[in-house]
N, C-alpha and C. Protein backbone atom coordinates (compact mmCIF):
# COMPACT_ATOMS: atom_id res chain seq x y z
N ILE A 1 -10.15 -2.46 5.73
CA ILE A 1 -9.38 -3.64 5.90
C ILE A 1 -8.38 -3.94 7.12
N ASP A 2 -9.26 -5.44 8.08
CA ASP A 2 -8.52 -5.46 9.39
C ASP A 2 -7.08 -5.42 8.99
N ILE A 3 -6.50 -6.17 8.42
CA ILE A 3 -4.96 -6.41 8.10
C ILE A 3 -4.26 -5.70 7.14
N GLN A 4 -4.78 -4.24 7.11
CA GLN A 4 -3.66 -3.33 6.41
C GLN A 4 -2.68 -3.17 6.17
N ASP A 5 -2.59 -3.27 8.04
CA ASP A 5 -1.28 -2.62 8.44
C ASP A 5 -0.10 -3.61 8.48
N ARG A 6 -0.64 -5.26 7.70
CA ARG A 6 0.57 -6.19 7.60
C ARG A 6 0.75 -6.75 6.18
N ILE A 7 0.12 -5.94 4.68
CA ILE A 7 0.25 -5.86 3.65
C ILE A 7 1.52 -5.02 3.52
N MET A 8 2.36 -6.23 2.98
CA MET A 8 3.89 -5.84 2.45
C MET A 8 4.14 -6.04 0.71
N PRO A 9 4.65 -5.30 0.19
CA PRO A 9 5.47 -5.23 -0.54
C PRO A 9 6.24 -6.70 -0.62
N ILE A 10 6.64 -7.39 -1.55
CA ILE A 10 7.63 -8.41 -1.82
C ILE A 10 8.07 -8.88 -3.07
N LEU A 11 9.32 -9.34 -3.43
CA LEU A 11 10.12 -9.71 -4.77
C LEU A 11 10.06 -10.57 -5.04
N ILE A 12 10.12 -10.80 -6.67
CA ILE A 12 9.25 -12.35 -6.61
C ILE A 12 10.11 -12.07 -8.68
N SER A 13 10.73 -13.46 -8.96
CA SER A 13 10.81 -13.39 -10.59
C SER A 13 9.85 -12.77 -11.17
N GLN A 14 10.01 -12.26 -12.83
CA GLN A 14 8.82 -12.48 -12.79
C GLN A 14 8.34 -14.25 -13.45
N GLU A 15 9.28 -14.86 -13.68
CA GLU A 15 9.34 -15.87 -14.30
C GLU A 15 8.25 -17.16 -13.03
N SER A 16 8.76 -16.86 -11.56
CA SER A 16 7.91 -17.24 -10.89
C SER A 16 7.18 -16.31 -10.92
N TRP A 17 6.22 -15.52 -10.89
CA TRP A 17 5.15 -14.95 -10.41
C TRP A 17 3.56 -15.66 -11.88
N LYS A 18 4.76 -15.24 -12.90
CA LYS A 18 4.26 -16.33 -14.06
C LYS A 18 3.79 -18.23 -13.48
N THR A 19 4.95 -18.66 -13.16
CA THR A 19 4.29 -20.47 -13.02
C THR A 19 3.84 -20.42 -12.04
N HIS A 20 4.36 -19.54 -10.81
CA HIS A 20 3.67 -20.00 -9.50
C HIS A 20 2.31 -19.29 -8.92
N PHE A 21 2.25 -17.74 -9.13
CA PHE A 21 1.65 -17.30 -8.46
C PHE A 21 0.74 -16.15 -9.42
N PRO A 22 0.11 -17.02 -10.68
CA PRO A 22 -0.25 -16.22 -11.61
C PRO A 22 -1.45 -15.64 -11.32
N ASN A 23 -2.69 -16.06 -10.28
CA ASN A 23 -3.75 -15.55 -10.04
C ASN A 23 -3.50 -14.33 -9.12
N PHE A 24 -2.58 -13.72 -8.71
CA PHE A 24 -2.43 -13.11 -7.37
C PHE A 24 -1.65 -11.41 -7.77
N VAL A 25 -2.31 -10.25 -6.77
CA VAL A 25 -1.82 -9.18 -7.57
C VAL A 25 -0.02 -8.90 -7.04
N GLY A 26 -0.18 -8.35 -8.83
CA GLY A 26 1.45 -8.11 -8.90
C GLY A 26 1.18 -7.55 -9.68
N GLU A 27 3.41 -6.82 -10.09
CA GLU A 27 3.39 -5.61 -11.33
C GLU A 27 4.63 -6.46 -11.76
N ASN A 28 4.46 -6.29 -13.32
CA ASN A 28 6.00 -6.15 -13.45
C ASN A 28 6.87 -5.11 -13.14
N TRP A 29 8.23 -5.66 -12.78
CA TRP A 29 9.35 -4.09 -12.50
C TRP A 29 10.40 -4.91 -13.63
N VAL A 30 11.51 -3.48 -13.08
CA VAL A 30 12.81 -3.71 -13.71
C VAL A 30 13.31 -5.57 -13.16
N ALA A 31 14.25 -5.33 -14.57
CA ALA A 31 15.45 -6.71 -14.25
C ALA A 31 14.71 -7.98 -14.11
N ASN A 32 13.52 -7.64 -14.92
CA ASN A 32 13.00 -9.43 -14.69
C ASN A 32 12.79 -9.52 -13.11
N LEU A 33 12.35 -8.86 -12.71
CA LEU A 33 11.43 -8.70 -11.48
C LEU A 33 10.32 -8.48 -11.61
N ALA A 34 8.94 -8.91 -10.26
CA ALA A 34 7.80 -8.30 -10.30
C ALA A 34 8.09 -8.32 -8.51
N ILE A 35 6.56 -6.87 -8.48
CA ILE A 35 6.32 -6.47 -7.06
C ILE A 35 5.15 -7.29 -6.90
N LEU A 36 4.96 -8.50 -5.86
CA LEU A 36 3.83 -8.69 -5.79
C LEU A 36 3.20 -8.13 -3.97
N TYR A 37 1.79 -8.59 -3.81
CA TYR A 37 1.64 -8.26 -2.41
C TYR A 37 1.63 -9.56 -1.58
N VAL A 38 1.63 -8.79 -0.25
CA VAL A 38 1.82 -10.46 0.75
C VAL A 38 0.52 -9.89 2.02
N VAL A 39 0.30 -10.64 2.52
CA VAL A 39 -0.52 -10.61 3.85
C VAL A 39 0.13 -10.66 5.31
N ASP A 40 1.68 -10.17 5.85
CA ASP A 40 2.15 -10.61 6.96
C ASP A 40 1.99 -11.39 8.24
N GLU A 41 2.36 -12.54 8.32
CA GLU A 41 1.37 -13.00 8.98
C GLU A 41 2.91 -13.34 10.18
N SER A 42 3.03 -14.07 11.30
CA SER A 42 4.22 -13.64 12.67
C SER A 42 5.29 -14.88 11.91
N ARG A 43 5.07 -15.91 11.43
CA ARG A 43 6.15 -15.95 11.19
C ARG A 43 5.94 -16.97 9.92
N ALA A 44 5.02 -16.10 8.75
CA ALA A 44 4.77 -16.31 7.45
C ALA A 44 4.45 -15.44 7.06
N TYR A 45 3.40 -15.46 5.22
CA TYR A 45 2.73 -14.60 4.69
C TYR A 45 2.13 -15.24 4.08
N TRP A 46 1.21 -14.88 2.78
CA TRP A 46 0.00 -15.13 2.29
C TRP A 46 0.51 -14.12 0.61
N TYR A 47 0.01 -14.81 0.08
CA TYR A 47 -0.09 -13.90 -1.29
C TYR A 47 -1.28 -13.54 -1.69
N ILE A 48 -1.23 -12.02 -1.70
CA ILE A 48 -3.02 -11.40 -2.25
C ILE A 48 -3.49 -11.73 -3.87
N HIS A 49 -4.34 -12.44 -3.66
CA HIS A 49 -5.18 -12.75 -4.89
C HIS A 49 -6.26 -11.97 -5.55
N GLU A 50 -6.08 -12.10 -6.51
CA GLU A 50 -6.96 -10.99 -7.33
C GLU A 50 -8.23 -10.71 -6.82
N LYS A 51 -8.78 -11.65 -6.43
CA LYS A 51 -10.29 -11.39 -5.56
C LYS A 51 -10.53 -10.78 -4.97
N LEU A 52 -9.19 -10.76 -3.63
CA LEU A 52 -9.21 -9.95 -2.75
C LEU A 52 -9.34 -8.38 -2.74
N LEU A 53 -8.65 -8.05 -3.46
CA LEU A 53 -8.69 -6.84 -3.75
C LEU A 53 -10.20 -5.69 -4.65
N GLN A 54 -11.33 -6.84 -5.10
CA GLN A 54 -12.35 -7.12 -5.33
C GLN A 54 -13.04 -6.77 -4.48
N LYS A 55 -12.83 -7.77 -3.32
CA LYS A 55 -13.56 -7.58 -2.07
C LYS A 55 -13.53 -6.40 -1.07
N TRP A 56 -12.27 -6.01 -0.94
CA TRP A 56 -11.46 -4.92 -0.72
C TRP A 56 -12.14 -3.82 -1.31
N LYS A 57 -12.41 -3.63 -1.93
CA LYS A 57 -12.63 -2.59 -3.41
C LYS A 57 -11.51 -1.58 -2.60
N ILE A 58 -10.46 -2.04 -3.40
CA ILE A 58 -9.30 -0.77 -3.05
C ILE A 58 -8.16 -0.87 -4.28
N SER A 59 -8.08 -0.07 -4.85
CA SER A 59 -7.24 -0.34 -6.01
C SER A 59 -5.74 -1.27 -6.16
N ARG A 60 -5.13 -1.29 -7.42
CA ARG A 60 -3.92 -1.59 -6.70
C ARG A 60 -2.58 -0.65 -6.19
N GLU A 61 -2.97 1.08 -7.05
CA GLU A 61 -2.21 1.77 -6.33
C GLU A 61 -2.19 1.78 -4.96
N VAL A 62 -3.74 1.73 -4.11
CA VAL A 62 -3.87 2.47 -3.46
C VAL A 62 -3.21 1.20 -2.17
N LEU A 63 -3.56 -0.18 -2.55
CA LEU A 63 -2.86 -1.72 -2.38
C LEU A 63 -1.02 -0.87 -2.13
N HIS A 64 -0.25 -0.57 -3.40
CA HIS A 64 1.13 -0.45 -3.53
C HIS A 64 1.64 0.81 -2.64
N GLU A 65 1.06 2.11 -1.99
CA GLU A 65 0.75 2.89 -0.89
C GLU A 65 0.64 2.08 0.31
N ILE A 66 0.00 1.60 0.56
CA ILE A 66 -0.32 0.89 1.87
C ILE A 66 0.70 -0.31 2.24
N ALA A 67 1.53 -0.45 1.31
CA ALA A 67 2.47 -2.01 1.40
C ALA A 67 3.83 -0.93 1.39
N LEU A 68 4.12 -0.06 0.72
CA LEU A 68 5.22 0.47 0.77
C LEU A 68 5.66 0.88 2.12
N THR A 69 3.80 1.94 2.41
CA THR A 69 3.77 2.39 4.35
C THR A 69 4.48 1.42 4.84
N ASN A 70 3.75 0.51 5.16
CA ASN A 70 4.02 -0.95 5.73
C ASN A 70 5.47 -1.31 6.04
N LEU A 71 6.16 -1.52 4.83
CA LEU A 71 7.02 -1.71 4.61
C LEU A 71 8.46 -0.76 5.68
N ASP A 72 8.00 0.53 5.69
CA ASP A 72 9.00 1.66 5.99
C ASP A 72 9.32 1.13 8.24
N HIS A 73 7.63 0.90 8.39
CA HIS A 73 7.23 0.83 9.28
C HIS A 73 7.69 -0.49 10.29
N TYR A 74 8.07 -1.74 8.29
CA TYR A 74 8.37 -2.71 9.49
C TYR A 74 9.43 -2.79 9.85
N PHE A 75 10.70 -1.93 8.64
CA PHE A 75 12.15 -1.95 8.61
C PHE A 75 11.40 -0.83 10.60
N LEU A 76 11.65 -0.31 10.87
CA LEU A 76 12.16 0.63 11.84
C LEU A 76 10.93 -0.22 13.34
N GLN A 77 10.52 -0.91 13.25
CA GLN A 77 10.22 -1.65 14.33
C GLN A 77 10.90 -3.11 14.74
N ASN A 78 11.38 -3.46 13.75
CA ASN A 78 12.30 -5.53 13.75
C ASN A 78 13.62 -5.07 13.75
N ASP A 79 13.69 -3.38 14.06
CA ASP A 79 15.43 -3.23 14.18
C ASP A 79 15.88 -4.09 13.23
N ILE A 80 16.12 -4.21 12.26
CA ILE A 80 17.15 -4.44 11.14
C ILE A 80 17.86 -3.33 10.72
N GLU A 81 19.28 -3.48 11.36
CA GLU A 81 19.90 -2.41 11.08
C GLU A 81 19.92 -2.60 9.65
N LEU A 82 21.35 -1.33 8.92
CA LEU A 82 21.60 -1.21 7.94
C LEU A 82 22.90 -0.99 8.07
N ILE A 83 23.96 -1.76 7.69
CA ILE A 83 25.88 -1.89 7.39
C ILE A 83 26.21 -1.12 6.59
N CYS A 84 26.74 -0.09 7.03
CA CYS A 84 26.89 0.60 6.25
C CYS A 84 28.93 0.67 6.88
N MET A 85 29.09 0.09 5.47
CA MET A 85 30.32 0.06 5.44
C MET A 85 31.35 0.86 4.21
N SER A 86 32.94 2.07 5.07
CA SER A 86 33.23 3.03 4.30
C SER A 86 34.59 2.69 3.75
N ARG A 87 35.20 3.40 3.13
CA ARG A 87 36.61 2.64 2.58
C ARG A 87 37.95 2.58 3.85
N GLU A 88 37.78 3.07 4.60
CA GLU A 88 38.79 2.18 5.69
C GLU A 88 38.40 1.08 5.40
N GLU A 89 37.32 0.67 5.38
CA GLU A 89 36.79 -1.23 5.51
C GLU A 89 36.56 -1.53 4.16
N GLY A 90 37.18 -1.14 2.64
CA GLY A 90 36.92 -1.17 1.92
C GLY A 90 35.97 -0.37 0.91
N PRO A 91 35.00 -1.07 0.23
CA PRO A 91 34.19 0.07 -0.45
C PRO A 91 33.16 0.62 0.22
N ASN A 92 32.68 1.44 0.23
CA ASN A 92 31.71 2.67 0.23
C ASN A 92 30.15 1.32 -0.30
N MET A 93 29.57 0.23 0.42
CA MET A 93 28.34 0.08 0.39
C MET A 93 27.74 -0.57 1.51
N ILE A 94 26.62 -0.74 1.14
CA ILE A 94 25.02 -1.04 2.81
C ILE A 94 24.76 -2.24 2.54
N ILE A 95 24.80 -3.06 3.45
CA ILE A 95 24.07 -4.69 3.57
C ILE A 95 23.08 -4.31 5.12
N GLN A 96 22.30 -5.64 5.05
CA GLN A 96 21.05 -5.88 5.77
C GLN A 96 22.26 -6.43 7.52
N SER A 97 21.71 -6.17 8.51
CA SER A 97 22.32 -7.39 9.39
C SER A 97 21.58 -7.94 9.73
N LYS A 98 20.90 -8.84 9.26
CA LYS A 98 19.87 -10.04 9.56
C LYS A 98 19.45 -10.43 7.92
N ALA A 99 19.35 -11.16 8.13
CA ALA A 99 18.55 -11.95 6.68
C ALA A 99 17.06 -12.04 7.07
N ASP A 100 16.13 -11.58 6.38
CA ASP A 100 14.82 -11.39 6.42
C ASP A 100 13.71 -11.25 5.30
N ALA A 101 12.91 -12.33 5.35
CA ALA A 101 12.32 -11.97 4.13
C ALA A 101 11.67 -10.92 3.45
N TYR A 102 11.69 -9.64 3.92
CA TYR A 102 11.68 -8.14 3.35
C TYR A 102 12.58 -8.09 2.85
N ASN A 103 14.01 -8.10 2.84
CA ASN A 103 15.60 -7.00 2.56
C ASN A 103 15.31 -6.74 1.39
N ALA A 104 14.82 -7.79 0.58
CA ALA A 104 14.74 -7.24 -1.21
C ALA A 104 13.96 -6.58 -0.94
N SER A 105 12.77 -6.14 -0.77
CA SER A 105 12.52 -5.25 -0.97
C SER A 105 11.93 -3.70 -0.65
N GLN A 106 13.10 -3.59 0.18
CA GLN A 106 13.66 -2.26 1.30
C GLN A 106 13.90 -1.32 -0.24
N VAL A 107 14.31 -2.36 -1.91
CA VAL A 107 14.99 -1.49 -2.90
C VAL A 107 13.67 -0.62 -3.55
N LEU A 108 12.22 -0.73 -2.91
CA LEU A 108 10.88 -0.63 -3.42
C LEU A 108 10.67 0.94 -2.53
N SER A 109 12.06 1.53 -1.98
CA SER A 109 11.26 2.51 -0.13
C SER A 109 11.55 3.04 -0.70
N PRO A 110 11.06 3.91 -0.84
CA PRO A 110 11.82 5.95 -0.51
C PRO A 110 12.05 6.05 0.85
N SER A 111 12.24 5.97 2.04
CA SER A 111 13.18 5.31 3.14
C SER A 111 14.25 5.57 2.69
N PHE A 112 14.18 4.27 2.49
CA PHE A 112 15.47 3.79 1.64
C PHE A 112 17.16 3.91 1.27
N TYR A 113 15.99 4.37 0.20
CA TYR A 113 16.76 5.45 -1.30
C TYR A 113 16.93 6.80 -0.14
N GLN A 114 16.69 7.71 0.76
CA GLN A 114 16.59 8.36 1.11
C GLN A 114 18.06 7.98 2.35
N GLN A 115 18.01 7.40 2.95
CA GLN A 115 19.27 7.11 3.45
C GLN A 115 20.82 6.18 2.96
N ALA A 116 20.20 6.05 2.51
CA ALA A 116 21.48 5.18 1.22
C ALA A 116 22.11 6.49 0.62
N ARG A 117 21.37 7.76 0.29
CA ARG A 117 22.39 8.58 -0.18
C ARG A 117 22.63 8.93 0.47
N LYS A 118 22.01 9.18 1.82
CA LYS A 118 23.09 9.83 2.82
C LYS A 118 24.99 9.49 2.68
N PHE A 119 24.28 8.50 2.60
CA PHE A 119 25.89 7.64 2.60
C PHE A 119 26.41 7.32 0.93
N LEU A 120 25.62 6.79 0.29
CA LEU A 120 26.50 6.12 -0.98
C LEU A 120 26.42 7.78 -2.06
N GLY A 121 25.53 8.48 -2.05
CA GLY A 121 25.87 8.72 -3.19
C GLY A 121 24.80 9.46 -3.92
N SER A 122 24.10 10.21 -4.66
CA SER A 122 22.67 10.05 -5.20
C SER A 122 21.70 9.40 -6.32
N GLU A 123 22.95 9.06 -6.20
CA GLU A 123 23.04 7.30 -7.57
C GLU A 123 23.33 5.73 -7.00
N PHE A 124 22.79 5.32 -6.39
CA PHE A 124 23.71 4.09 -6.40
C PHE A 124 23.39 2.70 -7.13
N LEU A 125 24.34 2.03 -6.52
CA LEU A 125 23.73 0.18 -7.27
C LEU A 125 23.53 -0.34 -6.19
N ALA A 126 22.17 -1.30 -6.86
CA ALA A 126 21.60 -2.13 -5.39
C ALA A 126 21.35 -3.41 -5.85
N GLY A 127 21.84 -5.00 -5.14
CA GLY A 127 22.03 -5.50 -5.71
C GLY A 127 20.74 -6.26 -4.56
N VAL A 128 19.66 -7.59 -5.76
CA VAL A 128 18.41 -8.24 -4.93
C VAL A 128 19.11 -9.84 -5.00
N PRO A 129 19.65 -10.67 -5.34
CA PRO A 129 20.14 -12.11 -5.78
C PRO A 129 19.13 -12.72 -5.10
N ASN A 130 18.66 -12.30 -3.74
CA ASN A 130 17.53 -13.12 -3.79
C ASN A 130 16.28 -12.71 -2.24
N ARG A 131 15.26 -13.01 -2.10
CA ARG A 131 14.56 -12.40 -1.08
C ARG A 131 15.28 -12.12 -0.12
N ASP A 132 15.95 -12.53 0.62
CA ASP A 132 16.37 -11.91 2.36
C ASP A 132 17.69 -11.07 2.20
N PHE A 133 18.07 -11.35 0.77
CA PHE A 133 19.33 -10.24 1.23
C PHE A 133 19.57 -8.96 0.36
N LEU A 134 20.12 -7.86 0.35
CA LEU A 134 19.73 -6.55 -0.24
C LEU A 134 21.44 -5.23 0.02
N LEU A 135 21.50 -5.40 -0.87
CA LEU A 135 23.21 -4.93 -0.68
C LEU A 135 22.94 -3.66 -1.62
N ALA A 136 23.44 -1.84 -1.30
CA ALA A 136 23.39 -1.11 -1.66
C ALA A 136 25.29 -0.79 -2.35
N LEU A 137 25.86 -0.19 -3.26
CA LEU A 137 27.01 -0.10 -3.47
C LEU A 137 26.99 1.69 -4.12
N SER A 138 28.35 2.13 -3.75
CA SER A 138 28.20 3.44 -4.11
C SER A 138 28.82 3.61 -5.84
N LEU A 139 28.09 4.08 -6.98
CA LEU A 139 28.75 4.21 -8.04
C LEU A 139 30.48 4.71 -8.15
N SER A 140 30.80 5.22 -7.38
CA SER A 140 32.25 5.90 -7.20
C SER A 140 32.81 4.62 -7.48
N GLU A 141 32.73 3.49 -6.56
CA GLU A 141 33.02 2.28 -6.48
C GLU A 141 33.90 1.52 -7.17
N SER A 142 33.59 2.02 -8.51
CA SER A 142 34.18 1.43 -10.14
C SER A 142 34.68 0.07 -9.66
N GLN A 143 35.97 -0.09 -9.54
CA GLN A 143 37.09 -1.03 -9.16
C GLN A 143 36.25 -2.67 -8.61
N VAL A 144 35.61 -2.70 -7.84
CA VAL A 144 34.75 -3.22 -6.91
C VAL A 144 33.54 -3.57 -7.95
N ILE A 145 32.63 -3.13 -8.91
CA ILE A 145 31.25 -3.41 -9.55
C ILE A 145 31.29 -4.88 -10.01
N GLU A 146 32.53 -4.72 -10.65
CA GLU A 146 32.99 -5.75 -11.28
C GLU A 146 32.13 -7.43 -10.51
N LYS A 147 33.33 -7.85 -9.79
CA LYS A 147 33.18 -8.12 -9.08
C LYS A 147 32.03 -8.98 -7.31
N ILE A 148 31.43 -7.38 -7.38
CA ILE A 148 30.06 -7.87 -6.95
C ILE A 148 28.70 -8.16 -7.48
N GLN A 149 28.78 -7.53 -8.97
CA GLN A 149 28.21 -8.40 -9.64
C GLN A 149 28.13 -9.80 -10.41
N HIS A 150 29.38 -10.52 -9.80
CA HIS A 150 30.08 -11.41 -9.92
C HIS A 150 29.31 -12.46 -8.88
N ASN A 151 29.56 -11.38 -7.74
CA ASN A 151 29.13 -12.87 -6.27
C ASN A 151 27.62 -12.39 -6.20
N ILE A 152 27.22 -11.44 -6.78
CA ILE A 152 25.64 -11.41 -7.11
C ILE A 152 24.88 -12.05 -8.11
N ALA A 153 25.59 -12.22 -9.07
CA ALA A 153 25.46 -13.71 -10.04
C ALA A 153 25.12 -15.34 -9.63
N ASN A 154 26.18 -15.14 -8.43
CA ASN A 154 26.65 -16.81 -7.78
C ASN A 154 26.10 -16.83 -6.66
N ASP A 155 25.43 -15.62 -5.63
CA ASP A 155 24.58 -16.25 -5.35
C ASP A 155 22.91 -15.94 -5.32
N TYR A 156 22.24 -15.58 -6.61
CA TYR A 156 21.45 -15.73 -7.34
C TYR A 156 21.21 -16.63 -7.43
N LEU A 157 22.32 -17.67 -8.60
CA LEU A 157 22.13 -18.99 -8.45
C LEU A 157 21.95 -20.45 -7.80
N ASN A 158 23.05 -19.81 -6.68
CA ASN A 158 23.48 -20.31 -5.67
C ASN A 158 21.76 -20.09 -4.24
N MET A 159 21.18 -19.15 -3.76
CA MET A 159 20.84 -19.61 -3.34
C MET A 159 19.18 -19.38 -3.24
N ASP A 160 18.09 -19.80 -1.70
CA ASP A 160 16.75 -20.10 -1.56
C ASP A 160 16.19 -18.39 -2.27
N HIS A 161 15.08 -18.56 -2.71
CA HIS A 161 14.39 -17.55 -3.17
C HIS A 161 14.91 -16.92 -4.00
N PRO A 162 15.16 -17.16 -4.98
CA PRO A 162 16.28 -16.30 -6.48
C PRO A 162 15.64 -14.83 -6.90
N LEU A 163 16.33 -13.54 -7.40
CA LEU A 163 15.35 -12.56 -7.62
C LEU A 163 15.84 -12.32 -8.75
N THR A 164 17.18 -11.76 -8.89
CA THR A 164 17.98 -11.46 -10.52
C THR A 164 19.37 -11.58 -10.16
N ASP A 165 19.93 -11.75 -10.90
CA ASP A 165 21.47 -11.53 -11.09
C ASP A 165 22.07 -10.65 -11.63
N GLN A 166 20.72 -9.34 -12.26
CA GLN A 166 21.63 -8.04 -12.70
C GLN A 166 21.32 -6.84 -10.94
N LEU A 167 22.48 -6.10 -11.40
CA LEU A 167 22.50 -5.00 -10.52
C LEU A 167 21.42 -4.09 -11.10
N LEU A 168 21.01 -3.51 -9.58
CA LEU A 168 20.39 -2.14 -9.79
C LEU A 168 20.68 -1.05 -9.96
N VAL A 169 20.14 0.10 -10.83
CA VAL A 169 21.09 1.61 -10.52
C VAL A 169 19.75 2.01 -9.87
N VAL A 170 19.82 3.14 -8.71
CA VAL A 170 18.56 3.54 -8.34
C VAL A 170 19.28 5.77 -8.28
N THR A 171 18.61 5.83 -9.17
CA THR A 171 18.65 7.19 -9.21
C THR A 171 17.15 8.57 -9.44
N ALA A 172 17.07 9.85 -8.92
CA ALA A 172 16.36 10.26 -8.58
C ALA A 172 14.70 9.97 -9.82
N ASP A 173 15.07 9.37 -10.20
CA ASP A 173 14.06 9.34 -11.14
C ASP A 173 13.70 6.97 -11.25
N GLY A 174 14.24 7.26 -10.18
CA GLY A 174 13.63 5.58 -10.17
C GLY A 174 14.94 4.33 -10.25
N VAL A 175 14.61 3.35 -10.14
CA VAL A 175 15.26 2.51 -10.63
C VAL A 175 15.14 0.99 -11.66
N SER A 176 16.20 1.65 -12.50
CA SER A 176 16.76 0.24 -13.04
C SER A 176 17.37 -0.56 -13.92
N GLU A 177 18.20 -1.46 -14.23
CA GLU A 177 18.47 -2.06 -14.56
C GLU A 177 19.86 -1.21 -14.87
N TYR A 178 20.99 -2.14 -14.09
CA TYR A 178 22.61 -1.91 -14.12
C TYR A 178 23.21 -2.03 -15.83
N CYS A 179 23.45 -0.73 -16.11
CA CYS A 179 23.41 -1.58 -18.06
C CYS A 179 25.65 -1.44 -17.66
N GLY A 180 26.22 -1.63 -16.70
CA GLY A 180 27.66 -0.78 -16.87
C GLY A 180 28.31 0.01 -17.04
N VAL A 181 29.52 1.00 -17.00
CA VAL A 181 30.10 1.19 -16.68
C VAL A 181 29.81 2.21 -18.68
N SER A 182 29.74 4.18 -18.12
CA SER A 182 29.66 4.42 -18.98
C SER A 182 30.18 5.19 -20.13
């Protein structure tokens, strides 16, 4: 496929997928999220239709791997830095330096997990209230988790391209919905 290096994963709410994009390639994920796949253009993107997979003769698994590889390359090339805040300034957390349509998708990236773990520890929380925003927070920051959760829920209700009001927990086993401090 000549557009292979422009295939990207994008997060969307499961409800939005079923309502607005039912014939497009995707899979259900955690916290009522779905992963869809798009072809990135310079100032826009278009969703990949089921029929294209057949035409391209590639599986969903291959498409997913291509998209994750491209996601990592995208963040290296587009100079979207992660801002790491440490205790002196407040809680240990990471946010992106600027808004980008693929920011929330970084929560799918093993490369992002590796970077975040160096700063936040082996298990951490992530918030993706909308498409353009990702926050990652150390699990040791129990005193601010509730406040962050409230802010994520508020952003989810008030921002464009809402994704989920739930916090996610990222561990060595993968990503799941955060259910509170056990």
